[in-house]
Amino acid sequence: MREQVYHLQRDRTETLTDNDINYLSRMEVGALNRADIETFALTGGKILAAPISAMGRGFNILNANGKAAFGAVYFLTRPYPHPHDTQAIAQEINRRALDWVEDGNFVAWEKDGILGRAEAVRQLAARYWRSVEHRSYYKTLYKNEELRAFPRQDLAATTAGVIVQAVGRLLRGGVPFHAYFVDAAWGPNYTKEQHHAPAY
């Protein structure tokens, strides 16, 4: 089935020159540019390995009949944000700052004057930033009610949204689909129950 298995690669950005004899011959076997994901059905492929973020909204991966090209999706790993992604941390702190502004009982507002409150917010934001940088896996996602931080719930909601978007690619044309969660991290308690269940 090797010729029916494809994977996404980053879109090529280099400019082709006259010295490039054959662009297609230089492409990795089974590679599909991310920008070409909607043309997957034309490749003759049956399986596409892709990051979950590539299967989001805005893509219609259809077969020749205008229906979803895939009948099943396998979520191999549970996504987790990179702990040192400064852009993601900044976005999280910006969102949290909005929560702080809306909460009249937030601890920073107990300080005197605008300067005192501004300094308190700056210190709390710095503390928040450091706490995010120390996250490394799900068990380190501790809630902090003082900072209005509930990272486990936030990540669960974000992950659910990404899953719904990916599954949406399989619903085009009103066709049924199957979704499988392969990594035990998706349901650690369920995995423990199955591991200790008696065999019959």
N, C-alpha and C. Protein backbone atom coordinates (compact mmCIF):
# COMPACT_ATOMS: atom_id res chain seq x y z
N MET A 1 0.81 -1.21 0.00
CA MET A 1 0.00 0.00 0.00
C MET A 1 0.85 1.27 0.00
N ARG A 2 2.16 1.12 -0.17
CA ARG A 2 3.05 2.27 -0.03
C ARG A 2 2.62 3.44 -0.90
N GLU A 3 2.19 3.16 -2.13
CA GLU A 3 1.83 4.24 -3.05
C GLU A 3 0.50 4.90 -2.69
N GLN A 4 -0.22 4.32 -1.73
CA GLN A 4 -1.50 4.90 -1.31
C GLN A 4 -1.41 5.68 -0.01
N VAL A 5 -0.21 5.74 0.56
CA VAL A 5 0.00 6.45 1.83
C VAL A 5 0.72 7.76 1.55
N TYR A 6 0.11 8.86 1.98
CA TYR A 6 0.67 10.19 1.78
C TYR A 6 0.89 10.87 3.12
N HIS A 7 1.75 11.85 3.11
CA HIS A 7 1.96 12.67 4.30
C HIS A 7 2.10 14.13 3.86
N LEU A 8 1.73 15.02 4.75
CA LEU A 8 1.86 16.44 4.43
C LEU A 8 3.28 16.91 4.66
N GLN A 9 3.73 17.76 3.79
CA GLN A 9 5.02 18.42 3.97
C GLN A 9 4.77 19.93 3.92
N ARG A 10 5.70 20.67 4.45
CA ARG A 10 5.56 22.12 4.40
C ARG A 10 5.58 22.57 2.94
N ASP A 11 4.83 23.62 2.68
CA ASP A 11 4.77 24.14 1.32
C ASP A 11 6.15 24.62 0.89
N ARG A 12 6.53 24.28 -0.33
CA ARG A 12 7.81 24.73 -0.86
C ARG A 12 7.72 26.21 -1.21
N THR A 13 8.74 26.94 -0.86
CA THR A 13 8.72 28.38 -1.12
C THR A 13 9.84 28.81 -2.06
N GLU A 14 10.75 27.87 -2.43
CA GLU A 14 11.85 28.30 -3.27
C GLU A 14 11.36 28.55 -4.70
N THR A 15 12.07 29.41 -5.40
CA THR A 15 11.73 29.71 -6.78
C THR A 15 12.40 28.70 -7.69
N LEU A 16 11.62 28.10 -8.58
CA LEU A 16 12.18 27.14 -9.51
C LEU A 16 12.92 27.88 -10.62
N THR A 17 14.05 27.32 -11.03
CA THR A 17 14.86 27.94 -12.08
C THR A 17 14.92 27.01 -13.29
N ASP A 18 15.56 27.49 -14.34
CA ASP A 18 15.71 26.69 -15.54
C ASP A 18 16.57 25.46 -15.29
N ASN A 19 17.39 25.51 -14.24
CA ASN A 19 18.25 24.38 -13.93
C ASN A 19 17.50 23.24 -13.26
N ASP A 20 16.26 23.50 -12.80
CA ASP A 20 15.46 22.45 -12.18
C ASP A 20 14.86 21.59 -13.29
N ILE A 21 15.41 20.39 -13.47
CA ILE A 21 14.98 19.53 -14.56
C ILE A 21 13.54 19.07 -14.37
N ASN A 22 13.26 18.58 -13.17
CA ASN A 22 11.90 18.07 -12.95
C ASN A 22 11.55 18.24 -11.48
N TYR A 23 10.67 19.18 -11.21
CA TYR A 23 10.28 19.47 -9.83
C TYR A 23 9.68 18.23 -9.17
N LEU A 24 8.85 17.52 -9.89
CA LEU A 24 8.18 16.35 -9.31
C LEU A 24 9.16 15.26 -8.94
N SER A 25 10.22 15.12 -9.70
CA SER A 25 11.19 14.06 -9.40
C SER A 25 11.93 14.34 -8.11
N ARG A 26 11.98 15.64 -7.70
CA ARG A 26 12.67 15.98 -6.47
C ARG A 26 11.77 15.88 -5.24
N MET A 27 10.46 15.72 -5.46
CA MET A 27 9.54 15.61 -4.32
C MET A 27 9.68 14.25 -3.66
N GLU A 28 9.56 14.25 -2.37
CA GLU A 28 9.61 13.01 -1.62
C GLU A 28 8.41 12.14 -1.98
N VAL A 29 8.61 10.85 -2.08
CA VAL A 29 7.53 9.93 -2.44
C VAL A 29 6.43 10.01 -1.38
N GLY A 30 5.21 10.19 -1.84
CA GLY A 30 4.07 10.25 -0.92
C GLY A 30 3.89 11.61 -0.26
N ALA A 31 4.68 12.60 -0.63
CA ALA A 31 4.58 13.92 -0.02
C ALA A 31 3.50 14.73 -0.72
N LEU A 32 2.78 15.50 0.07
CA LEU A 32 1.74 16.38 -0.44
C LEU A 32 1.91 17.72 0.25
N ASN A 33 2.00 18.78 -0.54
CA ASN A 33 2.11 20.12 0.05
C ASN A 33 0.85 20.46 0.82
N ARG A 34 1.02 21.17 1.91
CA ARG A 34 -0.13 21.54 2.72
C ARG A 34 -1.16 22.33 1.91
N ALA A 35 -0.69 23.19 1.04
CA ALA A 35 -1.59 24.00 0.22
C ALA A 35 -2.41 23.15 -0.75
N ASP A 36 -1.94 21.93 -1.01
CA ASP A 36 -2.61 21.04 -1.97
C ASP A 36 -3.48 20.00 -1.28
N ILE A 37 -3.76 20.15 0.00
CA ILE A 37 -4.47 19.12 0.75
C ILE A 37 -5.86 18.84 0.18
N GLU A 38 -6.49 19.87 -0.40
CA GLU A 38 -7.83 19.66 -0.95
C GLU A 38 -7.82 18.82 -2.22
N THR A 39 -6.65 18.61 -2.80
CA THR A 39 -6.56 17.80 -4.02
C THR A 39 -6.15 16.36 -3.69
N PHE A 40 -6.22 15.99 -2.43
CA PHE A 40 -5.76 14.65 -2.04
C PHE A 40 -6.45 13.54 -2.83
N ALA A 41 -7.74 13.68 -3.08
CA ALA A 41 -8.48 12.63 -3.79
C ALA A 41 -7.91 12.37 -5.18
N LEU A 42 -7.27 13.35 -5.78
CA LEU A 42 -6.71 13.19 -7.12
C LEU A 42 -5.42 12.37 -7.12
N THR A 43 -4.83 12.18 -5.95
CA THR A 43 -3.56 11.46 -5.89
C THR A 43 -3.73 9.95 -5.97
N GLY A 44 -4.92 9.46 -5.71
CA GLY A 44 -5.13 8.02 -5.64
C GLY A 44 -4.77 7.46 -4.28
N GLY A 45 -4.43 8.33 -3.36
CA GLY A 45 -4.06 7.88 -2.02
C GLY A 45 -5.27 7.47 -1.20
N LYS A 46 -5.02 6.64 -0.20
CA LYS A 46 -6.07 6.17 0.71
C LYS A 46 -5.86 6.67 2.14
N ILE A 47 -4.59 6.92 2.49
CA ILE A 47 -4.24 7.33 3.85
C ILE A 47 -3.43 8.61 3.77
N LEU A 48 -3.76 9.57 4.66
CA LEU A 48 -3.01 10.81 4.74
C LEU A 48 -2.59 11.03 6.19
N ALA A 49 -1.30 11.08 6.43
CA ALA A 49 -0.78 11.39 7.76
C ALA A 49 -0.52 12.89 7.81
N ALA A 50 -1.17 13.56 8.76
CA ALA A 50 -1.07 15.02 8.81
C ALA A 50 -1.22 15.49 10.24
N PRO A 51 -0.58 16.63 10.58
CA PRO A 51 -0.80 17.20 11.91
C PRO A 51 -2.24 17.65 12.04
N ILE A 52 -2.76 17.56 13.25
CA ILE A 52 -4.17 17.87 13.49
C ILE A 52 -4.49 19.30 13.08
N SER A 53 -3.55 20.20 13.20
CA SER A 53 -3.81 21.60 12.86
C SER A 53 -4.03 21.80 11.37
N ALA A 54 -3.54 20.88 10.55
CA ALA A 54 -3.71 20.99 9.10
C ALA A 54 -5.09 20.57 8.64
N MET A 55 -5.85 19.95 9.54
CA MET A 55 -7.17 19.44 9.16
C MET A 55 -8.27 20.35 9.68
N GLY A 56 -7.96 21.60 9.90
CA GLY A 56 -8.92 22.52 10.49
C GLY A 56 -9.90 23.11 9.51
N ARG A 57 -10.58 24.14 9.95
CA ARG A 57 -11.60 24.79 9.15
C ARG A 57 -11.00 25.39 7.88
N GLY A 58 -11.85 25.50 6.88
CA GLY A 58 -11.41 26.12 5.63
C GLY A 58 -10.98 25.13 4.58
N PHE A 59 -10.84 23.87 4.94
CA PHE A 59 -10.44 22.85 3.98
C PHE A 59 -11.62 21.94 3.66
N ASN A 60 -11.80 21.64 2.38
CA ASN A 60 -12.79 20.66 1.95
C ASN A 60 -12.05 19.58 1.18
N ILE A 61 -11.84 18.45 1.83
CA ILE A 61 -11.10 17.35 1.21
C ILE A 61 -12.14 16.35 0.71
N LEU A 62 -12.51 16.50 -0.56
CA LEU A 62 -13.62 15.74 -1.12
C LEU A 62 -13.17 14.75 -2.18
N ASN A 63 -14.00 13.73 -2.41
CA ASN A 63 -13.73 12.79 -3.48
C ASN A 63 -14.41 13.28 -4.76
N ALA A 64 -14.39 12.45 -5.80
CA ALA A 64 -14.96 12.84 -7.09
C ALA A 64 -16.46 13.06 -7.02
N ASN A 65 -17.13 12.49 -6.02
CA ASN A 65 -18.57 12.63 -5.86
C ASN A 65 -18.96 13.82 -4.98
N GLY A 66 -17.98 14.61 -4.57
CA GLY A 66 -18.26 15.78 -3.74
C GLY A 66 -18.55 15.44 -2.30
N LYS A 67 -18.16 14.25 -1.87
CA LYS A 67 -18.34 13.84 -0.48
C LYS A 67 -16.98 13.74 0.20
N ALA A 68 -16.98 13.63 1.51
CA ALA A 68 -15.72 13.56 2.26
C ALA A 68 -14.83 12.44 1.73
N ALA A 69 -13.55 12.75 1.53
CA ALA A 69 -12.61 11.78 0.98
C ALA A 69 -12.19 10.74 2.02
N PHE A 70 -12.42 11.02 3.30
CA PHE A 70 -12.00 10.11 4.36
C PHE A 70 -13.21 9.59 5.11
N GLY A 71 -13.14 8.34 5.54
CA GLY A 71 -14.21 7.75 6.33
C GLY A 71 -13.83 7.59 7.79
N ALA A 72 -12.56 7.80 8.10
CA ALA A 72 -12.11 7.62 9.49
C ALA A 72 -10.93 8.54 9.76
N VAL A 73 -10.79 8.89 11.03
CA VAL A 73 -9.65 9.68 11.46
C VAL A 73 -9.07 9.01 12.71
N TYR A 74 -7.76 8.91 12.76
CA TYR A 74 -7.05 8.33 13.90
C TYR A 74 -6.22 9.43 14.54
N PHE A 75 -6.55 9.78 15.76
CA PHE A 75 -5.77 10.76 16.51
C PHE A 75 -4.68 9.99 17.23
N LEU A 76 -3.46 10.06 16.70
CA LEU A 76 -2.37 9.22 17.21
C LEU A 76 -1.82 9.72 18.54
N THR A 77 -1.73 11.02 18.70
CA THR A 77 -1.22 11.57 19.95
C THR A 77 -2.14 12.69 20.42
N ARG A 78 -2.14 12.92 21.71
CA ARG A 78 -2.91 14.02 22.26
C ARG A 78 -2.05 15.28 22.15
N PRO A 79 -2.53 16.31 21.44
CA PRO A 79 -1.68 17.50 21.24
C PRO A 79 -1.40 18.25 22.54
N TYR A 80 -0.22 18.81 22.58
CA TYR A 80 0.18 19.60 23.75
C TYR A 80 1.01 20.77 23.25
N PRO A 81 0.72 21.97 23.68
CA PRO A 81 1.47 23.13 23.17
C PRO A 81 2.93 23.11 23.60
N HIS A 82 3.77 23.64 22.74
CA HIS A 82 5.20 23.72 23.06
C HIS A 82 5.37 24.66 24.25
N PRO A 83 6.05 24.22 25.32
CA PRO A 83 6.13 25.03 26.54
C PRO A 83 6.89 26.34 26.38
N HIS A 84 7.71 26.47 25.35
CA HIS A 84 8.51 27.69 25.18
C HIS A 84 8.07 28.50 23.96
N ASP A 85 6.83 28.33 23.55
CA ASP A 85 6.29 29.10 22.44
C ASP A 85 5.86 30.47 22.98
N THR A 86 6.73 31.46 22.82
CA THR A 86 6.48 32.77 23.42
C THR A 86 5.22 33.43 22.87
N GLN A 87 4.91 33.20 21.62
CA GLN A 87 3.70 33.80 21.05
C GLN A 87 2.45 33.24 21.73
N ALA A 88 2.44 31.92 21.96
CA ALA A 88 1.29 31.30 22.62
C ALA A 88 1.17 31.78 24.07
N ILE A 89 2.31 31.93 24.75
CA ILE A 89 2.28 32.41 26.14
C ILE A 89 1.75 33.84 26.18
N ALA A 90 2.21 34.69 25.26
CA ALA A 90 1.74 36.07 25.22
C ALA A 90 0.23 36.12 24.97
N GLN A 91 -0.25 35.28 24.07
CA GLN A 91 -1.69 35.24 23.80
C GLN A 91 -2.47 34.83 25.05
N GLU A 92 -1.93 33.84 25.77
CA GLU A 92 -2.60 33.38 26.98
C GLU A 92 -2.64 34.48 28.04
N ILE A 93 -1.53 35.18 28.22
CA ILE A 93 -1.49 36.25 29.22
C ILE A 93 -2.40 37.40 28.81
N ASN A 94 -2.45 37.72 27.53
CA ASN A 94 -3.36 38.77 27.07
C ASN A 94 -4.80 38.40 27.38
N ARG A 95 -5.14 37.15 27.17
CA ARG A 95 -6.50 36.70 27.47
C ARG A 95 -6.77 36.76 28.96
N ARG A 96 -5.78 36.36 29.74
CA ARG A 96 -5.95 36.38 31.19
C ARG A 96 -6.08 37.82 31.70
N ALA A 97 -5.35 38.74 31.09
CA ALA A 97 -5.45 40.15 31.49
C ALA A 97 -6.87 40.67 31.33
N LEU A 98 -7.56 40.22 30.29
CA LEU A 98 -8.96 40.62 30.12
C LEU A 98 -9.82 40.10 31.26
N ASP A 99 -9.51 38.88 31.72
CA ASP A 99 -10.25 38.33 32.87
C ASP A 99 -9.98 39.16 34.12
N TRP A 100 -8.72 39.59 34.29
CA TRP A 100 -8.36 40.38 35.46
C TRP A 100 -9.09 41.72 35.47
N VAL A 101 -9.17 42.35 34.30
CA VAL A 101 -9.83 43.66 34.20
C VAL A 101 -11.31 43.56 34.56
N GLU A 102 -11.94 42.45 34.14
CA GLU A 102 -13.37 42.29 34.37
C GLU A 102 -13.71 41.89 35.80
N ASP A 103 -12.70 41.46 36.56
CA ASP A 103 -12.93 40.99 37.92
C ASP A 103 -12.60 42.10 38.92
N GLY A 104 -13.62 42.71 39.49
CA GLY A 104 -13.41 43.79 40.45
C GLY A 104 -12.73 43.34 41.73
N ASN A 105 -12.71 42.03 42.01
CA ASN A 105 -12.07 41.50 43.22
C ASN A 105 -10.66 40.97 42.98
N PHE A 106 -10.13 41.20 41.79
CA PHE A 106 -8.78 40.71 41.49
C PHE A 106 -7.78 41.33 42.45
N VAL A 107 -6.82 40.53 42.89
CA VAL A 107 -5.90 40.93 43.95
C VAL A 107 -5.12 42.21 43.62
N ALA A 108 -4.82 42.46 42.35
CA ALA A 108 -4.04 43.65 41.99
C ALA A 108 -4.80 44.94 42.26
N TRP A 109 -6.13 44.86 42.23
CA TRP A 109 -6.93 46.09 42.41
C TRP A 109 -7.01 46.51 43.87
N GLU A 110 -6.45 45.71 44.77
CA GLU A 110 -6.43 46.07 46.19
C GLU A 110 -5.33 47.10 46.49
N LYS A 111 -4.39 47.27 45.55
CA LYS A 111 -3.28 48.22 45.76
C LYS A 111 -3.79 49.65 45.64
N ASP A 112 -3.01 50.58 46.20
CA ASP A 112 -3.38 51.99 46.17
C ASP A 112 -2.90 52.64 44.88
N GLY A 113 -3.74 53.41 44.26
CA GLY A 113 -3.37 54.22 43.10
C GLY A 113 -3.13 53.42 41.83
N ILE A 114 -3.08 54.18 40.75
CA ILE A 114 -2.87 53.56 39.44
C ILE A 114 -1.50 52.91 39.36
N LEU A 115 -0.46 53.59 39.87
CA LEU A 115 0.90 53.05 39.81
C LEU A 115 0.99 51.75 40.60
N GLY A 116 0.43 51.71 41.79
CA GLY A 116 0.48 50.50 42.61
C GLY A 116 -0.22 49.34 41.93
N ARG A 117 -1.35 49.62 41.30
CA ARG A 117 -2.09 48.56 40.61
C ARG A 117 -1.34 48.09 39.36
N ALA A 118 -0.75 49.06 38.64
CA ALA A 118 0.01 48.70 37.44
C ALA A 118 1.21 47.82 37.79
N GLU A 119 1.91 48.17 38.86
CA GLU A 119 3.06 47.37 39.28
C GLU A 119 2.62 45.98 39.73
N ALA A 120 1.49 45.89 40.41
CA ALA A 120 0.98 44.60 40.86
C ALA A 120 0.62 43.71 39.66
N VAL A 121 -0.02 44.30 38.67
CA VAL A 121 -0.38 43.54 37.47
C VAL A 121 0.88 43.06 36.74
N ARG A 122 1.89 43.94 36.66
CA ARG A 122 3.14 43.56 35.99
C ARG A 122 3.80 42.39 36.70
N GLN A 123 3.84 42.44 38.04
CA GLN A 123 4.45 41.36 38.81
C GLN A 123 3.67 40.05 38.66
N LEU A 124 2.34 40.15 38.67
CA LEU A 124 1.52 38.95 38.52
C LEU A 124 1.66 38.36 37.12
N ALA A 125 1.75 39.24 36.12
CA ALA A 125 1.93 38.75 34.75
C ALA A 125 3.28 38.04 34.61
N ALA A 126 4.32 38.59 35.24
CA ALA A 126 5.64 37.95 35.20
C ALA A 126 5.59 36.59 35.89
N ARG A 127 4.88 36.53 37.02
CA ARG A 127 4.72 35.24 37.73
C ARG A 127 3.96 34.24 36.87
N TYR A 128 2.93 34.73 36.21
CA TYR A 128 2.12 33.89 35.34
C TYR A 128 2.98 33.33 34.20
N TRP A 129 3.79 34.21 33.60
CA TRP A 129 4.66 33.80 32.49
C TRP A 129 5.60 32.68 32.94
N ARG A 130 6.23 32.86 34.09
CA ARG A 130 7.15 31.83 34.60
C ARG A 130 6.42 30.52 34.86
N SER A 131 5.20 30.60 35.36
CA SER A 131 4.45 29.36 35.64
C SER A 131 4.12 28.62 34.35
N VAL A 132 3.84 29.36 33.28
CA VAL A 132 3.56 28.72 31.99
C VAL A 132 4.82 28.05 31.45
N GLU A 133 5.96 28.72 31.60
CA GLU A 133 7.22 28.15 31.10
C GLU A 133 7.59 26.86 31.82
N HIS A 134 7.10 26.67 33.04
CA HIS A 134 7.44 25.47 33.80
C HIS A 134 6.49 24.31 33.53
N ARG A 135 5.49 24.52 32.70
CA ARG A 135 4.61 23.41 32.32
C ARG A 135 5.38 22.47 31.40
N SER A 136 5.22 21.19 31.62
CA SER A 136 5.90 20.24 30.73
C SER A 136 4.98 19.10 30.29
N TYR A 137 3.94 18.82 31.03
CA TYR A 137 2.98 17.79 30.63
C TYR A 137 1.68 18.03 31.41
N TYR A 138 0.66 17.25 31.11
CA TYR A 138 -0.66 17.53 31.66
C TYR A 138 -0.68 17.60 33.18
N LYS A 139 0.10 16.77 33.83
CA LYS A 139 0.06 16.75 35.30
C LYS A 139 0.63 18.02 35.92
N THR A 140 1.30 18.85 35.12
CA THR A 140 1.84 20.10 35.65
C THR A 140 0.92 21.28 35.36
N LEU A 141 -0.27 21.00 34.87
CA LEU A 141 -1.24 22.06 34.59
C LEU A 141 -2.07 22.33 35.83
N TYR A 142 -1.49 23.05 36.77
CA TYR A 142 -2.17 23.34 38.02
C TYR A 142 -3.01 24.60 37.89
N LYS A 143 -4.16 24.59 38.50
CA LYS A 143 -4.99 25.79 38.49
C LYS A 143 -4.47 26.76 39.54
N ASN A 144 -4.68 28.04 39.26
CA ASN A 144 -4.29 29.09 40.18
C ASN A 144 -5.44 30.09 40.24
N GLU A 145 -6.25 29.96 41.26
CA GLU A 145 -7.45 30.78 41.35
C GLU A 145 -7.11 32.25 41.53
N GLU A 146 -5.99 32.55 42.21
CA GLU A 146 -5.60 33.94 42.41
C GLU A 146 -5.35 34.63 41.06
N LEU A 147 -4.70 33.90 40.13
CA LEU A 147 -4.39 34.46 38.81
C LEU A 147 -5.48 34.16 37.79
N ARG A 148 -6.57 33.55 38.23
CA ARG A 148 -7.68 33.18 37.36
C ARG A 148 -7.20 32.24 36.24
N ALA A 149 -6.27 31.38 36.58
CA ALA A 149 -5.67 30.47 35.59
C ALA A 149 -6.20 29.05 35.79
N PHE A 150 -6.76 28.50 34.73
CA PHE A 150 -7.27 27.13 34.74
C PHE A 150 -6.77 26.43 33.48
N PRO A 151 -5.46 26.17 33.41
CA PRO A 151 -4.84 25.71 32.16
C PRO A 151 -5.35 24.36 31.66
N ARG A 152 -5.70 23.46 32.56
CA ARG A 152 -6.16 22.15 32.10
C ARG A 152 -7.49 22.29 31.36
N GLN A 153 -8.40 23.09 31.93
CA GLN A 153 -9.69 23.32 31.26
C GLN A 153 -9.50 24.06 29.95
N ASP A 154 -8.59 25.05 29.94
CA ASP A 154 -8.33 25.81 28.72
C ASP A 154 -7.80 24.89 27.62
N LEU A 155 -6.83 24.04 27.97
CA LEU A 155 -6.25 23.15 26.97
C LEU A 155 -7.28 22.12 26.49
N ALA A 156 -8.11 21.63 27.41
CA ALA A 156 -9.15 20.67 27.02
C ALA A 156 -10.12 21.31 26.03
N ALA A 157 -10.50 22.55 26.29
CA ALA A 157 -11.43 23.24 25.39
C ALA A 157 -10.79 23.48 24.02
N THR A 158 -9.51 23.89 24.03
CA THR A 158 -8.81 24.12 22.76
C THR A 158 -8.69 22.82 21.98
N THR A 159 -8.32 21.74 22.68
CA THR A 159 -8.18 20.44 22.01
C THR A 159 -9.51 19.97 21.45
N ALA A 160 -10.58 20.13 22.21
CA ALA A 160 -11.90 19.74 21.73
C ALA A 160 -12.27 20.51 20.47
N GLY A 161 -11.94 21.80 20.45
CA GLY A 161 -12.23 22.60 19.27
C GLY A 161 -11.49 22.11 18.04
N VAL A 162 -10.22 21.76 18.22
CA VAL A 162 -9.41 21.27 17.10
C VAL A 162 -9.95 19.92 16.61
N ILE A 163 -10.37 19.07 17.54
CA ILE A 163 -10.92 17.77 17.16
C ILE A 163 -12.20 17.94 16.35
N VAL A 164 -13.08 18.82 16.83
CA VAL A 164 -14.34 19.07 16.12
C VAL A 164 -14.06 19.58 14.71
N GLN A 165 -13.08 20.46 14.57
CA GLN A 165 -12.74 20.98 13.25
C GLN A 165 -12.21 19.87 12.34
N ALA A 166 -11.35 19.00 12.89
CA ALA A 166 -10.81 17.90 12.09
C ALA A 166 -11.91 16.93 11.67
N VAL A 167 -12.80 16.60 12.60
CA VAL A 167 -13.91 15.70 12.30
C VAL A 167 -14.84 16.33 11.26
N GLY A 168 -14.93 17.64 11.26
CA GLY A 168 -15.76 18.32 10.28
C GLY A 168 -15.35 18.05 8.84
N ARG A 169 -14.06 17.71 8.63
CA ARG A 169 -13.60 17.38 7.28
C ARG A 169 -14.23 16.06 6.81
N LEU A 170 -14.65 15.21 7.76
CA LEU A 170 -15.19 13.90 7.43
C LEU A 170 -16.70 13.89 7.25
N LEU A 171 -17.34 15.01 7.49
CA LEU A 171 -18.80 15.07 7.44
C LEU A 171 -19.34 15.61 6.12
N ARG A 172 -18.46 16.07 5.26
CA ARG A 172 -18.93 16.68 4.01
C ARG A 172 -19.76 15.69 3.20
N GLY A 173 -20.92 16.13 2.78
CA GLY A 173 -21.80 15.26 2.01
C GLY A 173 -22.69 14.39 2.87
N GLY A 174 -22.67 14.62 4.18
CA GLY A 174 -23.53 13.87 5.09
C GLY A 174 -23.17 12.40 5.23
N VAL A 175 -21.90 12.07 5.05
CA VAL A 175 -21.48 10.67 5.15
C VAL A 175 -21.09 10.32 6.58
N PRO A 176 -21.22 9.04 6.97
CA PRO A 176 -20.81 8.65 8.33
C PRO A 176 -19.28 8.59 8.43
N PHE A 177 -18.79 8.62 9.66
CA PHE A 177 -17.35 8.54 9.85
C PHE A 177 -17.05 7.82 11.16
N HIS A 178 -15.80 7.44 11.33
CA HIS A 178 -15.33 6.82 12.57
C HIS A 178 -14.14 7.64 13.07
N ALA A 179 -14.07 7.84 14.37
CA ALA A 179 -12.93 8.54 14.98
C ALA A 179 -12.32 7.64 16.04
N TYR A 180 -11.00 7.52 16.03
CA TYR A 180 -10.29 6.66 16.96
C TYR A 180 -9.21 7.47 17.67
N PHE A 181 -9.09 7.26 18.97
CA PHE A 181 -8.09 7.93 19.77
C PHE A 181 -7.08 6.87 20.21
N VAL A 182 -5.93 6.87 19.55
CA VAL A 182 -4.98 5.77 19.69
C VAL A 182 -4.13 5.87 20.95
N ASP A 183 -3.66 7.05 21.29
CA ASP A 183 -2.76 7.23 22.43
C ASP A 183 -3.52 7.06 23.74
N ALA A 184 -2.98 6.28 24.65
CA ALA A 184 -3.62 6.06 25.96
C ALA A 184 -3.78 7.36 26.74
N ALA A 185 -2.99 8.38 26.39
CA ALA A 185 -3.09 9.67 27.09
C ALA A 185 -4.45 10.32 26.90
N TRP A 186 -5.19 9.92 25.86
CA TRP A 186 -6.52 10.48 25.65
C TRP A 186 -7.45 10.09 26.79
N GLY A 187 -7.26 8.91 27.35
CA GLY A 187 -8.13 8.45 28.43
C GLY A 187 -7.35 7.63 29.43
N PRO A 188 -6.47 8.26 30.21
CA PRO A 188 -5.59 7.51 31.12
C PRO A 188 -6.36 6.69 32.15
N ASN A 189 -7.47 7.21 32.67
CA ASN A 189 -8.23 6.44 33.66
C ASN A 189 -8.85 5.21 33.02
N TYR A 190 -9.37 5.35 31.81
CA TYR A 190 -9.95 4.22 31.09
C TYR A 190 -8.87 3.17 30.81
N THR A 191 -7.68 3.64 30.46
CA THR A 191 -6.58 2.72 30.18
C THR A 191 -6.21 1.91 31.41
N LYS A 192 -6.18 2.57 32.57
CA LYS A 192 -5.87 1.86 33.82
C LYS A 192 -6.92 0.79 34.12
N GLU A 193 -8.19 1.13 33.89
CA GLU A 193 -9.27 0.17 34.12
C GLU A 193 -9.10 -1.05 33.22
N GLN A 194 -8.76 -0.82 31.98
CA GLN A 194 -8.60 -1.93 31.02
C GLN A 194 -7.38 -2.78 31.39
N HIS A 195 -6.34 -2.11 31.87
CA HIS A 195 -5.12 -2.84 32.23
C HIS A 195 -5.35 -3.79 33.40
N HIS A 196 -6.20 -3.35 34.35
CA HIS A 196 -6.45 -4.16 35.55
C HIS A 196 -7.70 -5.03 35.44
N ALA A 197 -8.38 -4.95 34.31
CA ALA A 197 -9.59 -5.74 34.15
C ALA A 197 -9.24 -7.22 34.01
N PRO A 198 -10.00 -8.10 34.65
CA PRO A 198 -9.71 -9.53 34.53
C PRO A 198 -9.98 -10.03 33.12
N ALA A 199 -9.18 -10.97 32.68
CA ALA A 199 -9.37 -11.56 31.34
C ALA A 199 -10.34 -12.71 31.45
N TYR A 200 -11.24 -12.82 30.48
CA TYR A 200 -12.23 -13.90 30.46
C TYR A 200 -11.99 -14.78 29.26
